[in-house]
Amino acid sequence: MAVVPLLLMGSPALAHHPFGMGDSGTLTAWQGLLSGIGHPLLGPDHLLFLLAIAFVGLKRPMSWVLPMLAVGLGGSLLSQVIALPELLTPWAEALVSLSLVAEGLIALSMAPAAWLLPLFSLHGFLLGSTIVGAEATPLATYFLGLLLGQGVLLLLVSAWSQALMPRLGAQGQRLGAGIWIGIGLAFAWVALID
C-alpha cells in the first residue's frame, strides 16, 4: 500500500515515455528500446492496468497473456496509422483509467472476460497515439521494448498472483477487485479535472 502514493506522483509526460517519444525526431534505436521497456513500469495507469490483467487472469493458463500482448501492441501500431480523433484527445487518459474499473468488474464477474481483448487494444491505441511523429527506427525499437517490458511484467505478475490468490480467498479477491475499481475511478477523476 505504501507504493500507491508514489505511483500517484508520476508525471504524465515522463511516466509514459522517458525519452519523449513523438516529441523529437533525434532519438536513437537504443533510446526507443529503453523507452518501450520503461513505459509499462513508469506510467502508473499502465502499470496498474497490467497488474489488474494478471489479477483478472487468475483462473486462466499463462498462455492467455500472449493474445493480450498481441492486441495491445496491435492497438499501438494502429495508432500510428489512424489518428486519435481530436474529440477524444482530452479524454484519453480518463478512458485508460476507466479500463481499470472495467477490469475490476471483470474480476467480480460483473462484466464478461471477453472485454479484455478490446480493452487492451484500446489501451494500446490511446497510449500509442502519444508517440505519433517519432522516426521509424526508434519507433520500431520502442515497440520491441514495449513488447518485452509488458511481456515480462505480465508473466511475472501472473505467476505471482496465481500463487498468491488461493491464500486470499474469495473475500480477498473481491476486495482486490474493489481496489482496482477505486483506483481506476480516482485516476479517471484526476484526468478529467486536470
C-alpha atoms as a PDB file:
ATOM      1  CA  MET A   1       0.000   0.000   0.000  1.00  0.00           C
ATOM      2  CA  ALA A   2       2.939   2.345   0.547  1.00  0.00           C
ATOM      3  CA  VAL A   3       3.598   2.200  -3.213  1.00  0.00           C
ATOM      4  CA  VAL A   4       0.242   3.820  -4.131  1.00  0.00           C
ATOM      5  CA  PRO A   5       1.261   7.397  -3.157  1.00  0.00           C
ATOM      6  CA  LEU A   6       4.471   7.011  -5.160  1.00  0.00           C
ATOM      7  CA  LEU A   7       2.505   5.842  -8.191  1.00  0.00           C
ATOM      8  CA  LEU A   8       0.195   8.826  -7.918  1.00  0.00           C
ATOM      9  CA  MET A   9       3.153  11.221  -8.007  1.00  0.00           C
ATOM     10  CA  GLY A  10       4.264  10.202 -11.528  1.00  0.00           C
ATOM     11  CA  SER A  11       4.436  12.945 -14.108  1.00  0.00           C
ATOM     12  CA  PRO A  12       2.261  12.018 -17.113  1.00  0.00           C
ATOM     13  CA  ALA A  13       4.765  13.232 -19.700  1.00  0.00           C
ATOM     14  CA  LEU A  14       7.746  11.442 -18.212  1.00  0.00           C
ATOM     15  CA  ALA A  15       5.788   8.467 -16.982  1.00  0.00           C
ATOM     16  CA  HIS A  16       4.682   7.336 -20.389  1.00  0.00           C
ATOM     17  CA  HIS A  17       7.782   7.927 -22.475  1.00  0.00           C
ATOM     18  CA  PRO A  18      11.094   8.532 -20.683  1.00  0.00           C
ATOM     19  CA  PHE A  19      12.791   9.917 -23.828  1.00  0.00           C
ATOM     20  CA  GLY A  20       9.861  11.973 -25.123  1.00  0.00           C
ATOM     21  CA  MET A  21       8.757   9.603 -27.884  1.00  0.00           C
ATOM     22  CA  GLY A  22       6.952  11.602 -30.547  1.00  0.00           C
ATOM     23  CA  ASP A  23       8.381  14.914 -29.306  1.00  0.00           C
ATOM     24  CA  SER A  24      11.719  14.580 -31.023  1.00  0.00           C
ATOM     25  CA  GLY A  25      12.956  13.052 -34.241  1.00  0.00           C
ATOM     26  CA  THR A  26      16.528  12.692 -32.936  1.00  0.00           C
ATOM     27  CA  LEU A  27      16.127   9.610 -30.759  1.00  0.00           C
ATOM     28  CA  THR A  28      18.370   6.598 -31.197  1.00  0.00           C
ATOM     29  CA  ALA A  29      17.253   2.996 -31.529  1.00  0.00           C
ATOM     30  CA  TRP A  30      18.646   2.349 -28.033  1.00  0.00           C
ATOM     31  CA  GLN A  31      16.565   5.197 -26.549  1.00  0.00           C
ATOM     32  CA  GLY A  32      13.479   3.830 -28.306  1.00  0.00           C
ATOM     33  CA  LEU A  33      14.095   0.366 -26.825  1.00  0.00           C
ATOM     34  CA  LEU A  34      14.653   1.705 -23.302  1.00  0.00           C
ATOM     35  CA  SER A  35      11.580   3.919 -23.561  1.00  0.00           C
ATOM     36  CA  GLY A  36       9.489   0.912 -24.623  1.00  0.00           C
ATOM     37  CA  ILE A  37      10.771  -1.225 -21.755  1.00  0.00           C
ATOM     38  CA  GLY A  38      10.303   1.611 -19.262  1.00  0.00           C
ATOM     39  CA  HIS A  39       6.825   2.628 -20.395  1.00  0.00           C
ATOM     40  CA  PRO A  40       4.837  -0.069 -18.569  1.00  0.00           C
ATOM     41  CA  LEU A  41       6.972   0.336 -15.462  1.00  0.00           C
ATOM     42  CA  LEU A  42       6.906   4.139 -15.194  1.00  0.00           C
ATOM     43  CA  GLY A  43       3.328   5.006 -16.121  1.00  0.00           C
ATOM     44  CA  PRO A  44       1.156   4.363 -13.053  1.00  0.00           C
ATOM     45  CA  ASP A  45      -2.018   3.834 -15.082  1.00  0.00           C
ATOM     46  CA  HIS A  46      -0.206   1.450 -17.416  1.00  0.00           C
ATOM     47  CA  LEU A  47       1.436  -0.480 -14.586  1.00  0.00           C
ATOM     48  CA  LEU A  48      -1.842  -0.819 -12.703  1.00  0.00           C
ATOM     49  CA  PHE A  49      -3.615  -1.873 -15.916  1.00  0.00           C
ATOM     50  CA  LEU A  50      -1.108  -4.711 -16.396  1.00  0.00           C
ATOM     51  CA  LEU A  51      -1.308  -5.728 -12.736  1.00  0.00           C
ATOM     52  CA  ALA A  52      -5.100  -5.818 -12.973  1.00  0.00           C
ATOM     53  CA  ILE A  53      -4.917  -8.010 -16.083  1.00  0.00           C
ATOM     54  CA  ALA A  54      -2.848 -10.507 -14.112  1.00  0.00           C
ATOM     55  CA  PHE A  55      -5.443 -10.330 -11.331  1.00  0.00           C
ATOM     56  CA  VAL A  56      -8.298 -10.971 -13.778  1.00  0.00           C
ATOM     57  CA  GLY A  57      -6.409 -13.847 -15.384  1.00  0.00           C
ATOM     58  CA  LEU A  58      -6.082 -15.916 -12.229  1.00  0.00           C
ATOM     59  CA  LYS A  59      -8.198 -18.781 -13.477  1.00  0.00           C
ATOM     60  CA  ARG A  60      -6.606 -18.852 -16.923  1.00  0.00           C
ATOM     61  CA  PRO A  61      -3.479 -20.609 -18.185  1.00  0.00           C
ATOM     62  CA  MET A  62      -0.337 -18.497 -18.618  1.00  0.00           C
ATOM     63  CA  SER A  63      -0.763 -18.736 -22.414  1.00  0.00           C
ATOM     64  CA  TRP A  64      -3.635 -16.240 -22.215  1.00  0.00           C
ATOM     65  CA  VAL A  65      -1.012 -13.479 -21.822  1.00  0.00           C
ATOM     66  CA  LEU A  66       0.092 -13.751 -25.475  1.00  0.00           C
ATOM     67  CA  PRO A  67      -3.203 -12.603 -27.044  1.00  0.00           C
ATOM     68  CA  MET A  68      -3.262  -9.669 -24.607  1.00  0.00           C
ATOM     69  CA  LEU A  69       0.203  -8.590 -25.703  1.00  0.00           C
ATOM     70  CA  ALA A  70      -0.680  -9.030 -29.384  1.00  0.00           C
ATOM     71  CA  VAL A  71      -3.835  -6.900 -29.323  1.00  0.00           C
ATOM     72  CA  GLY A  72      -2.216  -4.231 -27.124  1.00  0.00           C
ATOM     73  CA  LEU A  73       0.722  -3.899 -29.494  1.00  0.00           C
ATOM     74  CA  GLY A  74      -1.692  -4.045 -32.431  1.00  0.00           C
ATOM     75  CA  GLY A  75      -3.621  -1.113 -30.967  1.00  0.00           C
ATOM     76  CA  SER A  76      -0.389   0.861 -30.553  1.00  0.00           C
ATOM     77  CA  LEU A  77       0.635   0.111 -34.138  1.00  0.00           C
ATOM     78  CA  LEU A  78      -2.817   1.077 -35.409  1.00  0.00           C
ATOM     79  CA  SER A  79      -2.495   4.439 -33.660  1.00  0.00           C
ATOM     80  CA  GLN A  80       0.468   5.204 -35.919  1.00  0.00           C
ATOM     81  CA  VAL A  81      -1.774   4.894 -38.987  1.00  0.00           C
ATOM     82  CA  ILE A  82      -5.133   6.132 -37.696  1.00  0.00           C
ATOM     83  CA  ALA A  83      -5.012   9.319 -35.670  1.00  0.00           C
ATOM     84  CA  LEU A  84      -6.812   9.612 -32.362  1.00  0.00           C
ATOM     85  CA  PRO A  85      -9.870  11.779 -33.067  1.00  0.00           C
ATOM     86  CA  GLU A  86      -9.390  15.257 -31.610  1.00  0.00           C
ATOM     87  CA  LEU A  87     -12.693  14.908 -29.789  1.00  0.00           C
ATOM     88  CA  LEU A  88     -11.209  12.022 -27.745  1.00  0.00           C
ATOM     89  CA  THR A  89      -7.771  13.535 -27.107  1.00  0.00           C
ATOM     90  CA  PRO A  90      -8.703  15.300 -23.840  1.00  0.00           C
ATOM     91  CA  TRP A  91     -10.440  12.133 -22.633  1.00  0.00           C
ATOM     92  CA  ALA A  92      -7.667   9.640 -23.499  1.00  0.00           C
ATOM     93  CA  GLU A  93      -6.133   9.393 -20.011  1.00  0.00           C
ATOM     94  CA  ALA A  94      -9.578   9.133 -18.408  1.00  0.00           C
ATOM     95  CA  LEU A  95     -10.503   6.294 -20.788  1.00  0.00           C
ATOM     96  CA  VAL A  96      -7.265   4.479 -19.959  1.00  0.00           C
ATOM     97  CA  SER A  97      -8.041   4.890 -16.254  1.00  0.00           C
ATOM     98  CA  LEU A  98     -11.603   3.655 -16.688  1.00  0.00           C
ATOM     99  CA  SER A  99     -10.155   0.441 -18.111  1.00  0.00           C
ATOM    100  CA  LEU A 100      -9.106  -0.334 -14.512  1.00  0.00           C
ATOM    101  CA  VAL A 101     -12.754  -0.047 -13.498  1.00  0.00           C
ATOM    102  CA  ALA A 102     -13.717  -2.472 -16.265  1.00  0.00           C
ATOM    103  CA  GLU A 103     -11.019  -4.907 -15.108  1.00  0.00           C
ATOM    104  CA  GLY A 104     -12.382  -4.768 -11.567  1.00  0.00           C
ATOM    105  CA  LEU A 105     -15.874  -5.514 -12.875  1.00  0.00           C
ATOM    106  CA  ILE A 106     -14.491  -8.449 -14.882  1.00  0.00           C
ATOM    107  CA  ALA A 107     -12.719  -9.781 -11.774  1.00  0.00           C
ATOM    108  CA  LEU A 108     -16.037  -9.588  -9.910  1.00  0.00           C
ATOM    109  CA  SER A 109     -17.735 -11.457 -12.797  1.00  0.00           C
ATOM    110  CA  MET A 110     -19.965  -8.412 -13.301  1.00  0.00           C
ATOM    111  CA  ALA A 111     -18.652  -7.968 -16.855  1.00  0.00           C
ATOM    112  CA  PRO A 112     -17.557 -10.568 -19.427  1.00  0.00           C
ATOM    113  CA  ALA A 113     -13.878 -11.532 -19.637  1.00  0.00           C
ATOM    114  CA  ALA A 114     -14.223 -11.108 -23.419  1.00  0.00           C
ATOM    115  CA  TRP A 115     -13.918  -7.348 -22.762  1.00  0.00           C
ATOM    116  CA  LEU A 116     -10.204  -7.804 -22.021  1.00  0.00           C
ATOM    117  CA  LEU A 117      -9.080  -8.048 -25.648  1.00  0.00           C
ATOM    118  CA  PRO A 118     -10.798  -4.848 -26.811  1.00  0.00           C
ATOM    119  CA  LEU A 119      -9.756  -3.100 -23.574  1.00  0.00           C
ATOM    120  CA  PHE A 120      -6.122  -3.985 -24.132  1.00  0.00           C
ATOM    121  CA  SER A 121      -6.361  -2.897 -27.776  1.00  0.00           C
ATOM    122  CA  LEU A 122      -7.970   0.422 -26.801  1.00  0.00           C
ATOM    123  CA  HIS A 123      -5.329   0.922 -24.119  1.00  0.00           C
ATOM    124  CA  GLY A 124      -2.584   0.340 -26.703  1.00  0.00           C
ATOM    125  CA  PHE A 125      -4.262   2.660 -29.202  1.00  0.00           C
ATOM    126  CA  LEU A 126      -4.758   5.515 -26.738  1.00  0.00           C
ATOM    127  CA  LEU A 127      -1.239   5.373 -25.335  1.00  0.00           C
ATOM    128  CA  GLY A 128       0.332   4.676 -28.732  1.00  0.00           C
ATOM    129  CA  SER A 129      -1.230   7.825 -30.116  1.00  0.00           C
ATOM    130  CA  THR A 130       1.095   9.862 -27.888  1.00  0.00           C
ATOM    131  CA  ILE A 131       4.160   8.734 -29.870  1.00  0.00           C
ATOM    132  CA  VAL A 132       2.965   9.696 -33.343  1.00  0.00           C
ATOM    133  CA  GLY A 133       5.749  11.508 -35.171  1.00  0.00           C
ATOM    134  CA  ALA A 134       8.742   9.548 -33.916  1.00  0.00           C
ATOM    135  CA  GLU A 135      11.210   8.344 -36.549  1.00  0.00           C
ATOM    136  CA  ALA A 136      10.872   4.776 -37.812  1.00  0.00           C
ATOM    137  CA  THR A 137      13.942   3.226 -36.139  1.00  0.00           C
ATOM    138  CA  PRO A 138      13.351   4.404 -32.550  1.00  0.00           C
ATOM    139  CA  LEU A 139       9.647   3.715 -33.039  1.00  0.00           C
ATOM    140  CA  ALA A 140      10.319   0.099 -34.079  1.00  0.00           C
ATOM    141  CA  THR A 141      12.675  -0.482 -31.154  1.00  0.00           C
ATOM    142  CA  TYR A 142      10.183   1.241 -28.843  1.00  0.00           C
ATOM    143  CA  PHE A 143       7.533  -1.308 -29.824  1.00  0.00           C
ATOM    144  CA  LEU A 144      10.045  -4.134 -29.323  1.00  0.00           C
ATOM    145  CA  GLY A 145      10.871  -2.766 -25.863  1.00  0.00           C
ATOM    146  CA  LEU A 146       7.176  -2.368 -25.073  1.00  0.00           C
ATOM    147  CA  LEU A 147       6.544  -5.991 -26.040  1.00  0.00           C
ATOM    148  CA  LEU A 148       9.457  -7.170 -23.874  1.00  0.00           C
ATOM    149  CA  GLY A 149       8.611  -4.948 -20.889  1.00  0.00           C
ATOM    150  CA  GLN A 150       4.901  -5.786 -20.900  1.00  0.00           C
ATOM    151  CA  GLY A 151       5.523  -9.461 -21.592  1.00  0.00           C
ATOM    152  CA  VAL A 152       7.975  -9.981 -18.752  1.00  0.00           C
ATOM    153  CA  LEU A 153       5.846  -7.946 -16.349  1.00  0.00           C
ATOM    154  CA  LEU A 154       2.641  -9.799 -17.236  1.00  0.00           C
ATOM    155  CA  LEU A 155       4.271 -13.228 -16.978  1.00  0.00           C
ATOM    156  CA  LEU A 156       5.915 -12.451 -13.625  1.00  0.00           C
ATOM    157  CA  VAL A 157       2.834 -10.873 -12.093  1.00  0.00           C
ATOM    158  CA  SER A 158       0.570 -13.625 -13.454  1.00  0.00           C
ATOM    159  CA  ALA A 159       2.770 -16.319 -11.913  1.00  0.00           C
ATOM    160  CA  TRP A 160       2.969 -14.415  -8.614  1.00  0.00           C
ATOM    161  CA  SER A 161      -0.768 -13.735  -8.455  1.00  0.00           C
ATOM    162  CA  GLN A 162      -1.668 -17.348  -9.233  1.00  0.00           C
ATOM    163  CA  ALA A 163       0.434 -18.381  -6.249  1.00  0.00           C
ATOM    164  CA  LEU A 164      -0.968 -15.627  -4.005  1.00  0.00           C
ATOM    165  CA  MET A 165      -4.683 -15.663  -4.793  1.00  0.00           C
ATOM    166  CA  PRO A 166      -5.588 -19.031  -3.255  1.00  0.00           C
ATOM    167  CA  ARG A 167      -4.382 -17.645   0.079  1.00  0.00           C
ATOM    168  CA  LEU A 168      -6.564 -14.543  -0.272  1.00  0.00           C
ATOM    169  CA  GLY A 169      -9.759 -16.497  -0.831  1.00  0.00           C
ATOM    170  CA  ALA A 170     -12.934 -15.192  -2.444  1.00  0.00           C
ATOM    171  CA  GLN A 171     -13.271 -12.304   0.021  1.00  0.00           C
ATOM    172  CA  GLY A 172      -9.736 -11.069  -0.658  1.00  0.00           C
ATOM    173  CA  GLN A 173     -10.247 -11.341  -4.397  1.00  0.00           C
ATOM    174  CA  ARG A 174     -13.432  -9.243  -4.176  1.00  0.00           C
ATOM    175  CA  LEU A 175     -11.572  -6.693  -2.077  1.00  0.00           C
ATOM    176  CA  GLY A 176      -8.785  -6.584  -4.681  1.00  0.00           C
ATOM    177  CA  ALA A 177     -11.317  -6.031  -7.470  1.00  0.00           C
ATOM    178  CA  GLY A 178     -12.897  -3.216  -5.463  1.00  0.00           C
ATOM    179  CA  ILE A 179      -9.486  -1.613  -5.017  1.00  0.00           C
ATOM    180  CA  TRP A 180      -8.884  -1.690  -8.812  1.00  0.00           C
ATOM    181  CA  ILE A 181     -12.265  -0.065  -9.375  1.00  0.00           C
ATOM    182  CA  GLY A 182     -11.491   2.659  -6.820  1.00  0.00           C
ATOM    183  CA  ILE A 183      -8.037   3.352  -8.229  1.00  0.00           C
ATOM    184  CA  GLY A 184      -9.425   3.463 -11.770  1.00  0.00           C
ATOM    185  CA  LEU A 185     -12.124   5.935 -10.769  1.00  0.00           C
ATOM    186  CA  ALA A 186      -9.579   8.080  -8.909  1.00  0.00           C
ATOM    187  CA  PHE A 187      -7.210   8.217 -11.891  1.00  0.00           C
ATOM    188  CA  ALA A 188     -10.120   8.973 -14.252  1.00  0.00           C
ATOM    189  CA  TRP A 189     -11.300  11.803 -11.994  1.00  0.00           C
ATOM    190  CA  VAL A 190      -7.807  13.312 -11.863  1.00  0.00           C
ATOM    191  CA  ALA A 191      -7.511  13.055 -15.668  1.00  0.00           C
ATOM    192  CA  LEU A 192     -10.871  14.766 -16.134  1.00  0.00           C
ATOM    193  CA  ILE A 193     -10.214  17.699 -13.801  1.00  0.00           C
ATOM    194  CA  ASP A 194      -6.577  18.196 -14.797  1.00  0.00           C
END
